[in-house]
Structure formats: structure tokens, C-alpha cells
Protein backbone atom coordinates (compact mmCIF):
# COMPACT_ATOMS: atom_id res chain seq x y z
CA MET A 1 -12.70 20.27 39.48
CA GLU A 2 -9.58 21.40 37.59
CA ASN A 3 -9.96 23.15 34.70
CA SER A 4 -8.01 20.56 32.03
CA ALA A 5 -7.23 23.42 29.36
CA PRO A 6 -4.19 26.12 29.65
CA ASP A 7 -4.06 29.04 30.21
CA ARG A 8 -5.43 31.74 28.43
CA GLN A 9 -4.40 35.42 28.32
CA GLN A 10 -6.26 38.15 26.72
CA VAL A 11 -4.85 40.58 23.81
CA ARG A 12 -5.32 43.41 22.77
CA VAL A 13 -5.30 44.23 19.02
CA THR A 14 -7.37 46.76 16.26
CA ILE A 15 -8.30 45.79 12.82
CA LEU A 16 -9.17 48.94 10.71
CA SER A 17 -9.60 50.96 13.91
CA ARG A 18 -11.99 48.77 16.00
CA PRO A 19 -10.08 47.35 19.26
CA TYR A 20 -10.47 43.65 19.62
CA THR A 21 -9.55 41.74 22.97
CA LEU A 22 -9.13 38.22 21.84
CA LEU A 23 -8.08 35.47 24.16
CA THR A 24 -4.95 32.56 23.10
CA SER A 25 -3.20 30.16 24.56
CA GLY A 26 -0.26 30.22 22.16
CA ASP A 27 2.10 32.60 22.02
CA SER A 28 0.83 36.29 22.10
CA ARG A 29 3.25 38.23 19.99
CA GLU A 30 1.87 35.68 16.92
CA VAL A 31 -1.82 37.01 17.77
CA GLU A 32 -0.98 40.26 17.45
CA GLU A 33 1.07 39.53 14.02
CA VAL A 34 -1.52 37.97 12.15
CA ALA A 35 -4.10 40.75 13.35
CA SER A 36 -1.78 42.90 12.38
CA SER A 37 -1.77 40.92 8.96
CA VAL A 38 -5.53 41.35 8.58
CA ASP A 39 -5.55 44.87 9.09
CA GLU A 40 -3.34 46.10 6.69
CA LEU A 41 -5.28 43.79 4.50
CA MET A 42 -8.23 45.57 5.31
CA LEU A 43 -7.04 48.67 5.43
CA SER A 44 -5.43 48.15 2.08
CA ILE A 45 -9.33 46.93 0.77
CA ALA A 46 -11.02 49.81 2.57
CA ALA A 47 -7.93 52.54 0.81
CA LYS A 48 -8.97 50.81 -2.62
CA ALA A 49 -13.10 50.80 -2.04
CA PRO A 50 -13.23 54.12 0.24
CA ASN A 51 -17.35 53.50 0.39
CA ALA A 52 -17.03 50.42 1.59
CA ASP A 53 -18.33 49.15 4.81
CA SER A 54 -16.59 47.04 7.21
CA THR A 55 -18.69 43.99 6.55
CA ARG A 56 -17.89 44.27 2.76
CA ILE A 57 -14.26 44.69 3.59
CA ALA A 58 -14.30 42.28 5.95
CA VAL A 59 -16.41 39.34 3.02
CA LEU A 60 -13.16 40.83 0.90
CA ALA A 61 -10.69 39.51 2.75
CA CYS A 62 -12.21 37.07 3.50
CA LEU A 63 -12.39 36.18 -0.55
CA HIS A 64 -8.41 37.19 -0.61
CA LEU A 65 -7.31 35.06 2.74
CA ALA A 66 -9.43 32.10 1.55
CA ASP A 67 -7.14 32.19 -2.17
CA ARG A 68 -4.62 32.57 -0.66
CA LEU A 69 -5.38 29.48 1.09
CA ARG A 70 -6.01 27.64 -1.47
CA THR A 71 -3.60 28.60 -3.64
CA LEU A 72 -1.03 27.45 -0.55
CA GLU A 73 -2.59 23.67 -0.48
CA ARG A 74 -2.44 23.37 -3.82
CA ASP A 75 1.24 23.92 -3.69
CA LEU A 76 1.84 21.92 -0.99
CA SER A 77 -0.54 18.98 -2.62
CA GLN A 78 1.90 19.84 -5.86
CA LEU A 79 4.96 19.26 -3.27
CA LYS A 80 3.63 16.38 -1.51
CA GLN A 81 3.09 14.41 -4.81
CA ARG A 82 6.76 15.67 -5.77
CA VAL A 83 8.14 13.89 -2.55
CA ASP A 84 6.44 11.36 -3.12
CA ARG A 85 7.65 10.16 -6.86
CA LYS A 86 10.84 10.98 -5.51
CA SER A 87 11.04 8.90 -2.57
CA GLU A 88 9.79 5.73 -4.64
CA GLU A 89 12.63 7.00 -7.01
CA PHE A 90 15.17 6.51 -4.42
CA ALA A 91 13.55 3.45 -3.33
CA GLY A 92 13.95 1.56 -6.19
CA MET A 93 17.61 2.80 -6.62
CA LEU A 94 18.22 1.91 -3.41
CA GLU A 95 16.83 -2.09 -3.85
CA GLN A 96 18.48 -2.07 -7.20
CA LEU A 97 21.98 -1.25 -5.28
CA ILE A 98 20.89 -3.22 -2.77
CA GLU A 99 20.35 -6.70 -5.07
CA GLY A 100 23.94 -5.73 -7.64
CA THR A 101 25.93 -5.73 -4.13
CA GLY A 102 24.35 -8.85 -2.96
CA GLU A 103 25.05 -10.65 -6.41
CA ARG A 104 28.54 -9.41 -6.18
CA SER A 105 29.15 -11.34 -2.57
């Protein structure tokens, strides 16, 4: 039986001075960039809380990333609402334009 899952490749990264081997079916460079970003965040937290253990640092990093995600989701939702309102306005303007053109014929 053939495996229908895409080929996965191993990507080796280091986060908070610990090596990890991850499997990805996507672009390994993206995985490396994400891991690097997480590493930078965790190192930054560790520098501010030198007595914190790796679990506490990881939890603080997760909270930071969750907050960023929530902010981006809220911003995206607001942007979608603005786009929807503008689309309705443009649709109304187009209708008026079409009706106006039809009356002159």
C-alpha cells in the first residue's frame, strides 16, 4: 500500500540551547526561521528572568505568542469588516451608476 502523505524531511534546529529534530513536509527554511524566532524569543525571556527554568520560559513564550496571535486575529477581523463595508458601498455605487445609465438610454 502506497503512503499518500507527502514526503517528510528532517530539519535540525536549536531552541534555548537544545537541539531538536523536526519532521516537515513543507519548506525546511520556513521551519528553521520559525524555530529561530522562537529561540530568539525564549533567549530574550531567559535574559530577563535568569532564574527561570526552561518550562517557565516556554510558558511565557507561549503566552507572548498567543497574545500576538490574538492581536493579529482581532486586526484581521477588523480589516475584514472594513473590506466588507467598502464592498457594500461600492456595490451600491455601482448599482446607482447602472440604474442611472439605464434611465438615459
